[in-house]
Amino acid sequence: MAINCIHHVKMVIIYVMTDMRLSLTQQQMTAVYPHSQGGFMIIDFHTHTFPDELADRAVGTLAHSGGIHNYLDGRVHSLTDSMKKAGIDYSVLLPVATRPNQCDTINTLALKTNETSKTTGLISFGAIHPACENFREILNWLSNNGFKGIKLHPVFQKTNIDDIQSLRLIEYASALGLIILIHAGCDVSFPGCDESSVDRLATMIQEVKPEKLVLAHMGGWGQWNDVSSILEEDYMKNVYLDTSSCIKKLNHNASLPIEKFKKMVNIHGADHILFGSDSPWDDQKDAVDLIKECGFSEKDTDAILGKNAVTLLNL
């Protein structure tokens, strides 16, 4: 099982796995992580899977509402097979609670699935909703149980990222040392949405100054000109950007042009870029190959594909 994202379609759930607390011998490392002999792992920081009984309905509904193509069927075994083909050691799955009362169920299941993360290569973040009055209790529980971070999706959660409910949650999560990964920019299923615009994200960052912040989709899906305009600001220096759903093998009219992507990486610094595929919405092997084909130095390519994630996740 894996823990997944409950999307706007009411009951679309994302199941995931986590917990990297045990140290491994080099022999064990080599068995579990294909690239660890050279000290280099490939980590996909942005993926989704669904329970087998929900996968077809969930993926089908999301693909239809967003007008997007799915490359996998959303099942856990499909993702782990994809990881093997792409040479990926770990995938981070990102649960989202679209209602406050979903958090306990999602996180309980996440904790159970995290027990096998060493063998599956799946790491789960926890789920929380900004409207949770007991957000401190939930975040304490996640931290005490070894979760690496949380995922917020302002659009699906219908809460502006610079709203006081979001700000207080992010501030407390940061104080606990949790990674906060946020859907950034537009969402294909909600044209014109504003809950996680670049302007709102910039306000939040300056207000809260989270220590371990990841903005998905290169800082703002579909708003990359706005992102580029703030990359050199001091408040952005410690912010990570993930590459999910940005650059594509096919010249998709909604994707970030490769040359613009490379320029953004060079401005922001490859040491703060995290590889993410957004599987099942992109092919993991294609996504890995695209990073390798960008022409970055070997050091920068390794950093983007895994070393930055190893540092951030403390693996």
Protein backbone atom coordinates (compact mmCIF):
# COMPACT_ATOMS: atom_id res chain seq x y z
CA MET A 1 0.00 0.00 0.00
CA ALA A 2 1.06 3.59 -0.44
CA ILE A 3 -0.54 6.83 0.62
CA ASN A 4 -1.97 9.22 -1.87
CA CYS A 5 -3.52 12.51 -2.52
CA ILE A 6 -7.19 13.14 -2.03
CA HIS A 7 -7.94 15.57 -4.78
CA HIS A 8 -10.77 17.98 -5.48
CA VAL A 9 -12.86 15.11 -6.81
CA LYS A 10 -13.81 14.42 -3.20
CA MET A 11 -12.40 10.92 -2.73
CA VAL A 12 -9.21 10.74 -4.73
CA ILE A 13 -6.54 9.55 -2.31
CA ILE A 14 -2.78 9.48 -2.60
CA TYR A 15 -0.98 6.76 -0.67
CA VAL A 16 2.72 7.05 0.21
CA MET A 17 5.64 5.75 2.24
CA THR A 18 8.32 7.21 4.51
CA ASP A 19 10.98 6.88 7.23
CA MET A 20 14.70 6.66 6.70
CA ARG A 21 15.83 6.45 10.31
CA LEU A 22 17.92 3.22 10.21
CA SER A 23 21.56 3.29 9.17
CA LEU A 24 22.63 0.71 6.58
CA THR A 25 25.90 -1.05 5.87
CA GLN A 26 27.49 -0.44 2.47
CA GLN A 27 26.48 -3.96 1.39
CA GLN A 28 22.86 -3.23 2.38
CA MET A 29 23.04 0.16 0.68
CA THR A 30 24.17 -1.41 -2.58
CA ALA A 31 21.34 -3.93 -2.46
CA VAL A 32 18.65 -1.31 -1.82
CA TYR A 33 19.99 1.66 -3.76
CA PRO A 34 21.33 0.90 -7.27
CA HIS A 35 23.53 4.00 -7.39
CA SER A 36 24.85 4.06 -3.82
CA GLN A 37 28.23 2.46 -4.58
CA GLY A 38 29.31 5.77 -6.02
CA GLY A 39 27.53 7.72 -3.32
CA PHE A 40 24.93 8.95 -5.80
CA MET A 41 21.22 8.23 -5.72
CA ILE A 42 18.45 9.39 -8.03
CA ILE A 43 15.45 10.63 -6.08
CA ASP A 44 12.12 11.64 -7.58
CA PHE A 45 10.85 14.26 -5.14
CA HIS A 46 7.31 14.53 -6.54
CA THR A 47 5.18 11.45 -7.30
CA HIS A 48 1.71 10.08 -6.60
CA THR A 49 0.14 6.63 -6.27
CA PHE A 50 -3.35 5.45 -5.39
CA PRO A 51 -4.83 2.38 -3.70
CA ASP A 52 -5.53 -0.35 -6.27
CA GLU A 53 -9.29 -0.10 -5.73
CA LEU A 54 -9.28 3.66 -6.41
CA ALA A 55 -6.53 3.99 -8.98
CA ASP A 56 -8.56 3.68 -12.18
CA ARG A 57 -11.25 6.08 -11.02
CA ALA A 58 -8.83 8.55 -9.47
CA VAL A 59 -6.41 8.74 -12.38
CA GLY A 60 -9.21 8.78 -14.92
CA THR A 61 -11.06 11.59 -13.19
CA LEU A 62 -7.97 13.73 -12.71
CA ALA A 63 -6.79 13.17 -16.27
CA HIS A 64 -10.20 14.21 -17.59
CA SER A 65 -10.60 17.28 -15.35
CA GLY A 66 -7.11 18.55 -16.12
CA GLY A 67 -7.02 17.50 -19.76
CA ILE A 68 -3.75 15.69 -19.15
CA HIS A 69 -2.29 12.31 -20.09
CA ASN A 70 -1.33 9.74 -17.47
CA TYR A 71 1.77 7.62 -18.15
CA LEU A 72 1.05 5.08 -15.37
CA ASP A 73 -2.17 3.68 -13.92
CA GLY A 74 -1.47 5.15 -10.47
CA ARG A 75 -0.83 1.83 -8.72
CA VAL A 76 2.14 1.31 -6.42
CA HIS A 77 3.58 -1.62 -8.36
CA SER A 78 3.45 0.47 -11.55
CA LEU A 79 5.49 3.21 -9.90
CA THR A 80 8.08 0.82 -8.46
CA ASP A 81 8.42 -0.87 -11.88
CA SER A 82 8.85 2.58 -13.42
CA MET A 83 11.53 3.44 -10.85
CA LYS A 84 13.53 0.35 -11.80
CA LYS A 85 13.37 1.23 -15.49
CA ALA A 86 14.41 4.81 -14.81
CA GLY A 87 17.18 3.89 -12.31
CA ILE A 88 15.43 5.79 -9.51
CA ASP A 89 16.30 4.83 -5.92
CA TYR A 90 13.57 6.69 -4.06
CA SER A 91 10.27 8.35 -4.90
CA VAL A 92 8.64 10.82 -2.55
CA LEU A 93 4.86 10.55 -2.53
CA LEU A 94 2.81 13.53 -1.46
CA PRO A 95 -0.49 13.15 0.41
CA VAL A 96 -2.97 16.03 0.44
CA ALA A 97 -6.00 16.29 2.72
CA THR A 98 -8.71 18.30 0.99
CA ARG A 99 -10.71 18.39 4.24
CA PRO A 100 -9.50 18.61 7.85
CA ASN A 101 -11.21 15.36 8.86
CA GLN A 102 -9.14 13.34 6.39
CA CYS A 103 -5.79 13.86 8.09
CA ASP A 104 -5.92 11.11 10.71
CA THR A 105 -6.90 8.40 8.25
CA ILE A 106 -4.31 9.41 5.69
CA ASN A 107 -1.49 9.75 8.20
CA THR A 108 -2.27 6.49 10.00
CA LEU A 109 -2.09 4.63 6.71
CA ALA A 110 1.07 6.54 5.80
CA LEU A 111 2.75 5.46 9.00
CA LYS A 112 1.97 1.81 8.28
CA THR A 113 3.26 1.98 4.74
CA ASN A 114 6.41 3.78 5.87
CA GLU A 115 7.51 0.64 7.66
CA THR A 116 8.49 -0.88 4.32
CA SER A 117 10.07 2.17 2.72
CA LYS A 118 13.52 0.59 2.88
CA THR A 119 12.44 -2.15 0.49
CA THR A 120 9.95 -0.22 -1.64
CA GLY A 121 12.00 2.96 -2.12
CA LEU A 122 8.90 5.03 -1.34
CA ILE A 123 9.02 7.89 1.16
CA SER A 124 5.82 9.49 2.38
CA PHE A 125 5.17 12.99 3.54
CA GLY A 126 2.32 13.64 5.96
CA ALA A 127 -1.04 15.25 5.27
CA ILE A 128 -2.49 18.30 6.99
CA HIS A 129 -5.11 20.91 6.16
CA PRO A 130 -4.67 24.60 7.04
CA ALA A 131 -8.13 24.63 8.64
CA CYS A 132 -7.15 22.00 11.23
CA GLU A 133 -7.58 23.62 14.63
CA ASN A 134 -5.35 20.93 16.12
CA PHE A 135 -2.59 21.54 13.56
CA ARG A 136 0.10 21.67 16.26
CA GLU A 137 -0.95 18.26 17.58
CA ILE A 138 -0.92 16.77 14.08
CA LEU A 139 2.46 18.25 13.21
CA ASN A 140 3.95 17.07 16.51
CA TRP A 141 2.66 13.56 15.77
CA LEU A 142 4.17 13.59 12.29
CA SER A 143 7.50 14.82 13.60
CA ASN A 144 7.59 12.30 16.46
CA ASN A 145 6.83 9.46 14.03
CA GLY A 146 9.70 10.23 11.69
CA PHE A 147 7.90 11.92 8.81
CA LYS A 148 10.23 14.03 6.70
CA GLY A 149 7.74 16.69 5.70
CA ILE A 150 4.24 17.75 4.65
CA LYS A 151 2.52 18.66 1.40
CA LEU A 152 0.18 21.63 1.03
CA HIS A 153 -1.97 22.21 -2.04
CA PRO A 154 -3.61 25.63 -1.61
CA VAL A 155 -5.82 25.15 -4.67
CA PHE A 156 -7.28 21.78 -3.65
CA GLN A 157 -7.46 22.90 -0.01
CA LYS A 158 -9.17 26.15 -0.98
CA THR A 159 -6.93 28.21 1.31
CA ASN A 160 -4.66 31.03 0.17
CA ILE A 161 -1.03 30.31 0.98
CA ASP A 162 -0.67 33.75 2.61
CA ASP A 163 -3.80 33.27 4.75
CA ILE A 164 -3.21 33.26 8.51
CA GLN A 165 -4.25 29.58 8.67
CA SER A 166 -1.50 28.67 6.23
CA LEU A 167 1.07 30.98 7.81
CA ARG A 168 0.68 29.62 11.35
CA LEU A 169 0.86 26.03 10.10
CA ILE A 170 3.98 26.62 7.99
CA GLU A 171 5.69 28.49 10.83
CA TYR A 172 5.09 25.65 13.29
CA ALA A 173 6.07 22.93 10.82
CA SER A 174 9.29 24.79 10.11
CA ALA A 175 10.06 25.10 13.82
CA LEU A 176 9.78 21.29 14.03
CA GLY A 177 12.30 20.89 11.22
CA LEU A 178 9.77 19.48 8.75
CA ILE A 179 10.10 20.01 5.01
CA ILE A 180 7.15 21.96 3.60
CA LEU A 181 6.42 21.19 -0.04
CA ILE A 182 3.80 23.43 -1.64
CA HIS A 183 1.99 23.24 -4.95
CA ALA A 184 3.06 26.49 -6.60
CA GLY A 185 1.36 28.47 -9.32
CA CYS A 186 -1.65 27.53 -11.42
CA ASP A 187 -3.42 24.18 -11.58
CA VAL A 188 -4.64 22.70 -14.86
CA SER A 189 -7.92 21.59 -13.27
CA PHE A 190 -8.72 25.08 -11.98
CA PRO A 191 -7.98 27.73 -14.64
CA GLY A 192 -7.44 31.16 -13.13
CA CYS A 193 -6.83 29.90 -9.60
CA ASP A 194 -4.94 32.30 -7.35
CA GLU A 195 -4.50 30.50 -4.02
CA SER A 196 -0.82 29.72 -4.63
CA SER A 197 0.24 32.49 -7.00
CA VAL A 198 3.85 33.66 -7.05
CA ASP A 199 2.84 36.92 -5.35
CA ARG A 200 1.13 35.07 -2.52
CA LEU A 201 4.06 32.68 -2.16
CA ALA A 202 6.49 35.59 -1.96
CA THR A 203 4.39 37.19 0.77
CA MET A 204 4.33 33.94 2.75
CA ILE A 205 8.08 33.37 2.45
CA GLN A 206 8.91 36.88 3.65
CA GLU A 207 6.42 36.61 6.51
CA VAL A 208 7.34 33.16 7.83
CA LYS A 209 10.85 32.46 6.45
CA PRO A 210 10.49 28.65 6.49
CA GLU A 211 13.83 26.85 6.73
CA LYS A 212 13.03 23.81 4.55
CA LEU A 213 10.70 25.00 1.82
CA VAL A 214 10.13 23.33 -1.56
CA LEU A 215 8.05 25.07 -4.21
CA ALA A 216 6.76 22.56 -6.74
CA HIS A 217 6.71 23.08 -10.50
CA MET A 218 9.80 25.34 -10.60
CA GLY A 219 8.24 27.80 -8.21
CA GLY A 220 4.96 28.45 -9.97
CA TRP A 221 3.37 26.33 -12.69
CA GLY A 222 2.53 28.48 -15.70
CA GLN A 223 3.87 31.58 -13.92
CA TRP A 224 7.55 31.13 -14.69
CA ASN A 225 8.10 34.74 -15.75
CA ASP A 226 6.88 35.81 -12.32
CA VAL A 227 9.14 33.23 -10.67
CA SER A 228 12.14 34.41 -12.69
CA SER A 229 11.53 37.97 -11.51
CA ILE A 230 12.08 37.02 -7.83
CA LEU A 231 14.77 34.32 -8.07
CA GLU A 232 17.56 36.72 -7.13
CA GLU A 233 15.73 38.15 -4.11
CA ASP A 234 17.38 37.42 -0.76
CA TYR A 235 14.28 35.68 0.61
CA MET A 236 14.50 33.07 -2.17
CA LYS A 237 18.08 31.94 -1.48
CA ASN A 238 17.20 28.97 0.73
CA VAL A 239 14.08 27.92 -1.19
CA TYR A 240 14.16 24.69 -3.20
CA LEU A 241 12.32 24.36 -6.51
CA ASP A 242 11.24 21.00 -7.89
CA THR A 243 11.11 20.25 -11.61
CA SER A 244 7.78 18.39 -11.67
CA SER A 245 5.41 18.93 -14.61
CA CYS A 246 7.63 21.59 -16.13
CA ILE A 247 9.85 20.28 -18.91
CA LYS A 248 8.53 17.58 -21.22
CA LYS A 249 9.93 15.27 -23.90
CA LEU A 250 7.19 16.41 -26.21
CA ASN A 251 6.92 20.11 -26.98
CA HIS A 252 3.78 20.55 -24.94
CA ASN A 253 2.40 24.08 -25.20
CA ALA A 254 1.90 24.29 -21.43
CA SER A 255 5.44 23.19 -20.51
CA LEU A 256 8.41 25.31 -19.54
CA PRO A 257 10.78 25.77 -22.51
CA ILE A 258 14.07 23.96 -21.91
CA GLU A 259 16.23 27.04 -22.44
CA LYS A 260 14.15 29.04 -19.95
CA PHE A 261 14.35 26.16 -17.49
CA LYS A 262 18.14 26.05 -17.80
CA LYS A 263 18.36 29.80 -17.28
CA MET A 264 16.22 29.58 -14.13
CA VAL A 265 18.45 26.79 -12.78
CA ASN A 266 21.60 28.81 -13.46
CA ILE A 267 20.15 31.88 -11.76
CA HIS A 268 18.80 30.09 -8.70
CA GLY A 269 21.65 27.60 -8.41
CA ALA A 270 21.59 23.86 -9.12
CA ASP A 271 22.16 23.22 -5.41
CA HIS A 272 18.54 24.23 -4.74
CA ILE A 273 16.82 22.32 -7.55
CA LEU A 274 15.11 18.96 -6.89
CA PHE A 275 14.23 16.48 -9.59
CA GLY A 276 10.53 15.59 -9.68
CA SER A 277 8.44 13.85 -12.32
CA ASP A 278 4.88 14.28 -10.98
CA SER A 279 4.29 10.63 -11.92
CA PRO A 280 1.80 9.33 -13.06
CA TRP A 281 1.49 12.57 -15.04
CA ASP A 282 4.94 12.21 -16.61
CA ASP A 283 7.21 9.32 -17.49
CA GLN A 284 9.99 8.96 -14.91
CA LYS A 285 12.64 7.75 -17.35
CA ASP A 286 11.86 10.56 -19.80
CA ALA A 287 12.05 13.05 -16.93
CA VAL A 288 15.44 11.73 -15.78
CA ASP A 289 16.79 11.75 -19.34
CA LEU A 290 15.67 15.34 -19.87
CA ILE A 291 17.69 16.52 -16.88
CA LYS A 292 20.72 14.60 -18.14
CA GLU A 293 20.32 16.14 -21.61
CA CYS A 294 20.19 19.74 -20.38
CA GLY A 295 23.95 20.14 -20.57
CA PHE A 296 24.58 20.93 -16.92
CA SER A 297 27.93 19.94 -15.42
CA GLU A 298 28.16 16.43 -13.96
CA LYS A 299 28.25 17.95 -10.48
CA ASP A 300 25.09 19.99 -11.09
CA THR A 301 23.28 17.10 -12.78
CA ASP A 302 24.03 14.79 -9.85
CA ALA A 303 22.89 17.50 -7.42
CA ILE A 304 19.56 17.97 -9.18
CA LEU A 305 18.85 14.28 -9.68
CA GLY A 306 19.60 13.21 -6.13
CA LYS A 307 22.29 14.77 -4.00
CA ASN A 308 20.20 17.80 -3.04
CA ALA A 309 17.36 15.50 -2.00
CA VAL A 310 19.70 13.30 0.01
CA THR A 311 20.80 16.38 1.97
CA LEU A 312 17.29 17.75 2.43
CA LEU A 313 15.82 14.40 3.47
CA ASN A 314 18.84 13.62 5.64
CA LEU A 315 19.30 10.17 4.11
